């Protein structure tokens, strides 16, 4: 049965342990977000490095099709 005045009637906002727990949960969420961002950043860098290495070695099937010297017709 609910109390008059709402679910939290009679409760004070001076609950230090509750406030500390709330702050702790916020910090946990923030830490999880930062860990996820860092992992995404590392994965992106690894993929970028691998793509560059593949481009340099000529193993990239979607890389440059023609040699830069073949782009323009020779002048007569």
PDB file of N, CA and C in Angstrom:
ATOM      1  N   UNK A   1       0.836  -1.176   0.000  1.00  0.00           N
ATOM      2  CA  UNK A   1       0.000   0.000   0.000  1.00  0.00           C
ATOM      3  C   UNK A   1       0.879   1.237   0.000  1.00  0.00           C
ATOM      4  N   UNK A   2       0.495   2.237  -0.739  1.00  0.00           N
ATOM      5  CA  UNK A   2       1.353   3.407  -0.851  1.00  0.00           C
ATOM      6  C   UNK A   2       1.017   4.434   0.216  1.00  0.00           C
ATOM      7  N   UNK A   3       2.014   5.168   0.609  1.00  0.00           N
ATOM      8  CA  UNK A   3       1.841   6.202   1.621  1.00  0.00           C
ATOM      9  C   UNK A   3       1.262   7.458   1.001  1.00  0.00           C
ATOM     10  N   UNK A   4       0.537   8.235   1.786  1.00  0.00           N
ATOM     11  CA  UNK A   4       0.067   9.520   1.257  1.00  0.00           C
ATOM     12  C   UNK A   4       1.259  10.438   1.030  1.00  0.00           C
ATOM     13  N   UNK A   5       1.221  11.146  -0.064  1.00  0.00           N
ATOM     14  CA  UNK A   5       2.318  12.058  -0.366  1.00  0.00           C
ATOM     15  C   UNK A   5       3.340  11.451  -1.295  1.00  0.00           C
ATOM     16  N   UNK A   6       3.129  10.241  -1.728  1.00  0.00           N
ATOM     17  CA  UNK A   6       4.050   9.632  -2.686  1.00  0.00           C
ATOM     18  C   UNK A   6       4.795   8.457  -2.100  1.00  0.00           C
ATOM     19  N   UNK A   7       5.552   7.842  -2.945  1.00  0.00           N
ATOM     20  CA  UNK A   7       6.255   6.621  -2.577  1.00  0.00           C
ATOM     21  C   UNK A   7       7.330   6.867  -1.527  1.00  0.00           C
ATOM     22  N   UNK A   8       7.960   8.018  -1.577  1.00  0.00           N
ATOM     23  CA  UNK A   8       9.087   8.306  -0.690  1.00  0.00           C
ATOM     24  C   UNK A   8       8.700   9.244   0.448  1.00  0.00           C
ATOM     25  N   UNK A   9       7.442   9.280   0.830  1.00  0.00           N
ATOM     26  CA  UNK A   9       7.001  10.173   1.900  1.00  0.00           C
ATOM     27  C   UNK A   9       7.645   9.748   3.216  1.00  0.00           C
ATOM     28  N   UNK A  10       8.047  10.724   4.002  1.00  0.00           N
ATOM     29  CA  UNK A  10       8.663  10.451   5.279  1.00  0.00           C
ATOM     30  C   UNK A  10      10.151  10.194   5.182  1.00  0.00           C
ATOM     31  N   UNK A  11      10.678  10.136   4.009  1.00  0.00           N
ATOM     32  CA  UNK A  11      12.096   9.880   3.793  1.00  0.00           C
ATOM     33  C   UNK A  11      12.831  11.213   3.714  1.00  0.00           C
ATOM     34  N   UNK A  12      13.986  11.296   4.312  1.00  0.00           N
ATOM     35  CA  UNK A  12      14.756  12.543   4.258  1.00  0.00           C
ATOM     36  C   UNK A  12      15.840  12.438   3.207  1.00  0.00           C
ATOM     37  N   UNK A  13      16.279  13.578   2.731  1.00  0.00           N
ATOM     38  CA  UNK A  13      17.344  13.619   1.732  1.00  0.00           C
ATOM     39  C   UNK A  13      18.723  13.647   2.374  1.00  0.00           C
ATOM     40  N   UNK A  14      18.781  13.455   3.666  1.00  0.00           N
ATOM     41  CA  UNK A  14      20.068  13.500   4.359  1.00  0.00           C
ATOM     42  C   UNK A  14      20.607  12.099   4.602  1.00  0.00           C
ATOM     43  N   UNK A  15      20.361  11.198   3.686  1.00  0.00           N
ATOM     44  CA  UNK A  15      20.841   9.824   3.789  1.00  0.00           C
ATOM     45  C   UNK A  15      22.224   9.756   3.145  1.00  0.00           C
ATOM     46  N   UNK A  16      23.299   9.912   3.937  1.00  0.00           N
ATOM     47  CA  UNK A  16      24.635   9.968   3.336  1.00  0.00           C
ATOM     48  C   UNK A  16      25.021   8.680   2.621  1.00  0.00           C
ATOM     49  N   UNK A  17      24.616   7.549   3.152  1.00  0.00           N
ATOM     50  CA  UNK A  17      24.979   6.291   2.511  1.00  0.00           C
ATOM     51  C   UNK A  17      24.268   6.155   1.163  1.00  0.00           C
ATOM     52  N   UNK A  18      23.026   6.586   1.077  1.00  0.00           N
ATOM     53  CA  UNK A  18      22.295   6.543  -0.187  1.00  0.00           C
ATOM     54  C   UNK A  18      22.913   7.463  -1.215  1.00  0.00           C
ATOM     55  N   UNK A  19      23.327   8.653  -0.786  1.00  0.00           N
ATOM     56  CA  UNK A  19      23.964   9.607  -1.697  1.00  0.00           C
ATOM     57  C   UNK A  19      25.310   9.069  -2.175  1.00  0.00           C
ATOM     58  N   UNK A  20      26.048   8.462  -1.265  1.00  0.00           N
ATOM     59  CA  UNK A  20      27.337   7.883  -1.649  1.00  0.00           C
ATOM     60  C   UNK A  20      27.146   6.739  -2.639  1.00  0.00           C
ATOM     61  N   UNK A  21      26.128   5.928  -2.419  1.00  0.00           N
ATOM     62  CA  UNK A  21      25.864   4.809  -3.324  1.00  0.00           C
ATOM     63  C   UNK A  21      25.472   5.332  -4.700  1.00  0.00           C
ATOM     64  N   UNK A  22      24.673   6.398  -4.730  1.00  0.00           N
ATOM     65  CA  UNK A  22      24.277   7.000  -6.003  1.00  0.00           C
ATOM     66  C   UNK A  22      25.511   7.510  -6.746  1.00  0.00           C
ATOM     67  N   UNK A  23      26.397   8.209  -6.044  1.00  0.00           N
ATOM     68  CA  UNK A  23      27.623   8.716  -6.661  1.00  0.00           C
ATOM     69  C   UNK A  23      28.494   7.560  -7.153  1.00  0.00           C
ATOM     70  N   UNK A  24      28.554   6.500  -6.370  1.00  0.00           N
ATOM     71  CA  UNK A  24      29.336   5.322  -6.756  1.00  0.00           C
ATOM     72  C   UNK A  24      28.796   4.715  -8.043  1.00  0.00           C
ATOM     73  N   UNK A  25      27.473   4.595  -8.139  1.00  0.00           N
ATOM     74  CA  UNK A  25      26.856   4.038  -9.354  1.00  0.00           C
ATOM     75  C   UNK A  25      27.122   4.934 -10.557  1.00  0.00           C
ATOM     76  N   UNK A  26      27.051   6.250 -10.364  1.00  0.00           N
ATOM     77  CA  UNK A  26      27.361   7.176 -11.457  1.00  0.00           C
ATOM     78  C   UNK A  26      28.803   6.999 -11.919  1.00  0.00           C
ATOM     79  N   UNK A  27      29.709   6.843 -10.973  1.00  0.00           N
ATOM     80  CA  UNK A  27      31.115   6.643 -11.324  1.00  0.00           C
ATOM     81  C   UNK A  27      31.311   5.320 -12.063  1.00  0.00           C
ATOM     82  N   UNK A  28      30.598   4.282 -11.643  1.00  0.00           N
ATOM     83  CA  UNK A  28      30.682   2.993 -12.345  1.00  0.00           C
ATOM     84  C   UNK A  28      30.223   3.126 -13.792  1.00  0.00           C
ATOM     85  N   UNK A  29      29.115   3.830 -13.999  1.00  0.00           N
ATOM     86  CA  UNK A  29      28.608   4.029 -15.357  1.00  0.00           C
ATOM     87  C   UNK A  29      29.599   4.820 -16.196  1.00  0.00           C
ATOM     88  N   UNK A  30      30.157   5.872 -15.615  1.00  0.00           N
ATOM     89  CA  UNK A  30      31.119   6.706 -16.346  1.00  0.00           C
ATOM     90  C   UNK A  30      32.368   5.901 -16.695  1.00  0.00           C
ATOM     91  N   UNK A  31      32.825   5.102 -15.747  1.00  0.00           N
ATOM     92  CA  UNK A  31      34.007   4.266 -15.997  1.00  0.00           C
ATOM     93  C   UNK A  31      33.737   3.285 -17.135  1.00  0.00           C
ATOM     94  N   UNK A  32      32.565   2.667 -17.132  1.00  0.00           N
ATOM     95  CA  UNK A  32      32.215   1.724 -18.192  1.00  0.00           C
ATOM     96  C   UNK A  32      32.179   2.425 -19.550  1.00  0.00           C
ATOM     97  N   UNK A  33      31.650   3.650 -19.588  1.00  0.00           N
ATOM     98  CA  UNK A  33      31.626   4.418 -20.841  1.00  0.00           C
ATOM     99  C   UNK A  33      33.042   4.707 -21.327  1.00  0.00           C
ATOM    100  N   UNK A  34      33.919   5.107 -20.409  1.00  0.00           N
ATOM    101  CA  UNK A  34      35.294   5.423 -20.788  1.00  0.00           C
ATOM    102  C   UNK A  34      36.040   4.181 -21.279  1.00  0.00           C
ATOM    103  N   UNK A  35      35.809   3.046 -20.630  1.00  0.00           N
ATOM    104  CA  UNK A  35      36.450   1.802 -21.062  1.00  0.00           C
ATOM    105  C   UNK A  35      35.986   1.448 -22.468  1.00  0.00           C
ATOM    106  N   UNK A  36      34.692   1.596 -22.726  1.00  0.00           N
ATOM    107  CA  UNK A  36      34.156   1.292 -24.056  1.00  0.00           C
ATOM    108  C   UNK A  36      34.725   2.241 -25.111  1.00  0.00           C
ATOM    109  N   UNK A  37      34.823   3.524 -24.774  1.00  0.00           N
ATOM    110  CA  UNK A  37      35.405   4.493 -25.710  1.00  0.00           C
ATOM    111  C   UNK A  37      36.859   4.149 -26.010  1.00  0.00           C
ATOM    112  N   UNK A  38      37.608   3.788 -24.980  1.00  0.00           N
ATOM    113  CA  UNK A  38      39.021   3.451 -25.172  1.00  0.00           C
ATOM    114  C   UNK A  38      39.166   2.212 -26.051  1.00  0.00           C
ATOM    115  N   UNK A  39      38.309   1.234 -25.833  1.00  0.00           N
ATOM    116  CA  UNK A  39      38.380   0.019 -26.647  1.00  0.00           C
ATOM    117  C   UNK A  39      38.042   0.318 -28.106  1.00  0.00           C
ATOM    118  N   UNK A  40      37.043   1.153 -28.324  1.00  0.00           N
ATOM    119  CA  UNK A  40      36.681   1.549 -29.689  1.00  0.00           C
ATOM    120  C   UNK A  40      37.830   2.297 -30.348  1.00  0.00           C
ATOM    121  N   UNK A  41      38.473   3.178 -29.595  1.00  0.00           N
ATOM    122  CA  UNK A  41      39.602   3.944 -30.117  1.00  0.00           C
ATOM    123  C   UNK A  41      40.750   3.009 -30.515  1.00  0.00           C
ATOM    124  N   UNK A  42      41.072   2.046 -29.632  1.00  0.00           N
ATOM    125  CA  UNK A  42      42.161   1.106 -29.936  1.00  0.00           C
ATOM    126  C   UNK A  42      41.841   0.257 -31.160  1.00  0.00           C
ATOM    127  N   UNK A  43      40.608  -0.216 -31.249  1.00  0.00           N
ATOM    128  CA  UNK A  43      40.205  -1.029 -32.395  1.00  0.00           C
ATOM    129  C   UNK A  43      40.296  -0.217 -33.686  1.00  0.00           C
ATOM    130  N   UNK A  44      39.848   1.024 -33.640  1.00  0.00           N
ATOM    131  CA  UNK A  44      39.917   1.890 -34.816  1.00  0.00           C
ATOM    132  C   UNK A  44      41.356   2.096 -35.256  1.00  0.00           C
ATOM    133  N   UNK A  45      42.244   2.337 -34.309  1.00  0.00           N
ATOM    134  CA  UNK A  45      43.659   2.528 -34.654  1.00  0.00           C
ATOM    135  C   UNK A  45      44.261   1.263 -35.248  1.00  0.00           C
ATOM    136  N   UNK A  46      43.912   0.094 -34.676  1.00  0.00           N
ATOM    137  CA  UNK A  46      44.424  -1.163 -35.226  1.00  0.00           C
ATOM    138  C   UNK A  46      43.947  -1.382 -36.654  1.00  0.00           C
ATOM    139  N   UNK A  47      42.670  -1.114 -36.899  1.00  0.00           N
ATOM    140  CA  UNK A  47      42.137  -1.281 -38.247  1.00  0.00           C
ATOM    141  C   UNK A  47      42.789  -0.314 -39.221  1.00  0.00           C
ATOM    142  N   UNK A  48      42.974   0.919 -38.795  1.00  0.00           N
ATOM    143  CA  UNK A  48      43.604   1.924 -39.655  1.00  0.00           C
ATOM    144  C   UNK A  48      45.035   1.524 -39.984  1.00  0.00           C
ATOM    145  N   UNK A  49      45.757   1.038 -38.978  1.00  0.00           N
ATOM    146  CA  UNK A  49      47.140   0.602 -39.197  1.00  0.00           C
ATOM    147  C   UNK A  49      47.187  -0.582 -40.155  1.00  0.00           C
ATOM    148  N   UNK A  50      46.283  -1.536 -39.970  1.00  0.00           N
ATOM    149  CA  UNK A  50      46.249  -2.706 -40.853  1.00  0.00           C
ATOM    150  C   UNK A  50      45.908  -2.296 -42.283  1.00  0.00           C
ATOM    151  N   UNK A  51      44.986  -1.370 -42.436  1.00  0.00           N
ATOM    152  CA  UNK A  51      44.609  -0.917 -43.773  1.00  0.00           C
ATOM    153  C   UNK A  51      45.780  -0.219 -44.460  1.00  0.00           C
ATOM    154  N   UNK A  52      46.502   0.605 -43.709  1.00  0.00           N
ATOM    155  CA  UNK A  52      47.670   1.284 -44.289  1.00  0.00           C
ATOM    156  C   UNK A  52      48.730   0.270 -44.710  1.00  0.00           C
ATOM    157  N   UNK A  53      48.963  -0.721 -43.861  1.00  0.00           N
ATOM    158  CA  UNK A  53      49.958  -1.747 -44.191  1.00  0.00           C
ATOM    159  C   UNK A  53      49.537  -2.514 -45.443  1.00  0.00           C
ATOM    160  N   UNK A  54      48.262  -2.819 -45.558  1.00  0.00           N
ATOM    161  CA  UNK A  54      47.773  -3.532 -46.742  1.00  0.00           C
ATOM    162  C   UNK A  54      47.917  -2.663 -47.989  1.00  0.00           C
ATOM    163  N   UNK A  55      47.678  -1.380 -47.860  1.00  0.00           N
ATOM    164  CA  UNK A  55      47.832  -0.473 -49.004  1.00  0.00           C
ATOM    165  C   UNK A  55      49.288  -0.420 -49.460  1.00  0.00           C
ATOM    166  N   UNK A  56      50.199  -0.404 -48.510  1.00  0.00           N
ATOM    167  CA  UNK A  56      51.620  -0.326 -48.854  1.00  0.00           C
ATOM    168  C   UNK A  56      52.110  -1.606 -49.519  1.00  0.00           C
ATOM    169  N   UNK A  57      51.578  -2.743 -49.097  1.00  0.00           N
ATOM    170  CA  UNK A  57      52.063  -4.013 -49.630  1.00  0.00           C
ATOM    171  C   UNK A  57      51.331  -4.429 -50.899  1.00  0.00           C
ATOM    172  N   UNK A  58      50.333  -3.692 -51.304  1.00  0.00           N
ATOM    173  CA  UNK A  58      49.610  -4.013 -52.523  1.00  0.00           C
ATOM    174  C   UNK A  58      48.594  -5.123 -52.357  1.00  0.00           C
ATOM    175  N   UNK A  59      48.235  -5.450 -51.125  1.00  0.00           N
ATOM    176  CA  UNK A  59      47.288  -6.535 -50.883  1.00  0.00           C
ATOM    177  C   UNK A  59      45.847  -6.056 -50.786  1.00  0.00           C
ATOM    178  N   UNK A  60      45.612  -4.780 -50.900  1.00  0.00           N
ATOM    179  CA  UNK A  60      44.259  -4.256 -50.759  1.00  0.00           C
ATOM    180  C   UNK A  60      43.515  -4.385 -52.087  1.00  0.00           C
ATOM    181  N   UNK A  61      42.499  -5.231 -52.164  1.00  0.00           N
ATOM    182  CA  UNK A  61      41.806  -5.434 -53.435  1.00  0.00           C
ATOM    183  C   UNK A  61      41.003  -4.217 -53.887  1.00  0.00           C
ATOM    184  N   UNK A  62      40.699  -3.310 -52.990  1.00  0.00           N
ATOM    185  CA  UNK A  62      39.925  -2.135 -53.370  1.00  0.00           C
ATOM    186  C   UNK A  62      40.800  -0.890 -53.433  1.00  0.00           C
ATOM    187  N   UNK A  63      42.072  -1.095 -53.562  1.00  0.00           N
ATOM    188  CA  UNK A  63      43.000   0.023 -53.606  1.00  0.00           C
ATOM    189  C   UNK A  63      43.063   0.666 -54.975  1.00  0.00           C
ATOM    190  N   UNK A  64      44.147   1.353 -55.233  1.00  0.00           N
ATOM    191  CA  UNK A  64      44.354   2.060 -56.488  1.00  0.00           C
ATOM    192  C   UNK A  64      44.368   1.075 -57.653  1.00  0.00           C
ATOM    193  N   UNK A  65      43.648   1.408 -58.724  1.00  0.00           N
ATOM    194  CA  UNK A  65      43.538   0.523 -59.875  1.00  0.00           C
ATOM    195  C   UNK A  65      44.652   0.789 -60.872  1.00  0.00           C
ATOM    196  N   UNK A  66      44.960   2.038 -61.073  1.00  0.00           N
ATOM    197  CA  UNK A  66      45.980   2.368 -62.069  1.00  0.00           C
ATOM    198  C   UNK A  66      47.159   3.060 -61.405  1.00  0.00           C
ATOM    199  N   UNK A  67      48.266   2.990 -62.071  1.00  0.00           N
ATOM    200  CA  UNK A  67      49.477   3.656 -61.625  1.00  0.00           C
ATOM    201  C   UNK A  67      49.305   5.159 -61.860  1.00  0.00           C
ATOM    202  N   UNK A  68      49.774   6.018 -60.966  1.00  0.00           N
ATOM    203  CA  UNK A  68      49.609   7.462 -61.177  1.00  0.00           C
ATOM    204  C   UNK A  68      50.205   7.949 -62.502  1.00  0.00           C
ATOM    205  N   UNK A  69      51.238   7.278 -63.003  1.00  0.00           N
ATOM    206  CA  UNK A  69      51.845   7.715 -64.265  1.00  0.00           C
ATOM    207  C   UNK A  69      50.945   7.397 -65.461  1.00  0.00           C
ATOM    208  N   UNK A  70      49.955   6.530 -65.282  1.00  0.00           N
ATOM    209  CA  UNK A  70      49.050   6.160 -66.367  1.00  0.00           C
ATOM    210  C   UNK A  70      47.791   7.021 -66.410  1.00  0.00           C
ATOM    211  N   UNK A  71      47.697   7.995 -65.556  1.00  0.00           N
ATOM    212  CA  UNK A  71      46.481   8.793 -65.475  1.00  0.00           C
ATOM    213  C   UNK A  71      46.275   9.698 -66.686  1.00  0.00           C
ATOM    214  N   UNK A  72      47.320  10.249 -67.217  1.00  0.00           N
ATOM    215  CA  UNK A  72      47.193  11.224 -68.303  1.00  0.00           C
ATOM    216  C   UNK A  72      47.897  10.707 -69.557  1.00  0.00           C
ATOM    217  N   UNK A  73      47.372  11.097 -70.682  1.00  0.00           N
ATOM    218  CA  UNK A  73      48.003  10.713 -71.953  1.00  0.00           C
ATOM    219  C   UNK A  73      49.298  11.494 -72.119  1.00  0.00           C
ATOM    220  N   UNK A  74      50.247  10.871 -72.766  1.00  0.00           N
ATOM    221  CA  UNK A  74      51.529  11.542 -72.997  1.00  0.00           C
ATOM    222  C   UNK A  74      51.361  12.644 -74.028  1.00  0.00           C
ATOM    223  N   UNK A  75      52.070  13.695 -73.831  1.00  0.00           N
ATOM    224  CA  UNK A  75      52.028  14.801 -74.799  1.00  0.00           C
ATOM    225  C   UNK A  75      52.811  14.404 -76.042  1.00  0.00           C
ATOM    226  N   UNK A  76      52.355  14.867 -77.163  1.00  0.00           N
ATOM    227  CA  UNK A  76      53.014  14.503 -78.426  1.00  0.00           C
ATOM    228  C   UNK A  76      54.277  15.275 -78.650  1.00  0.00           C
TER     229      UNK A  76
END
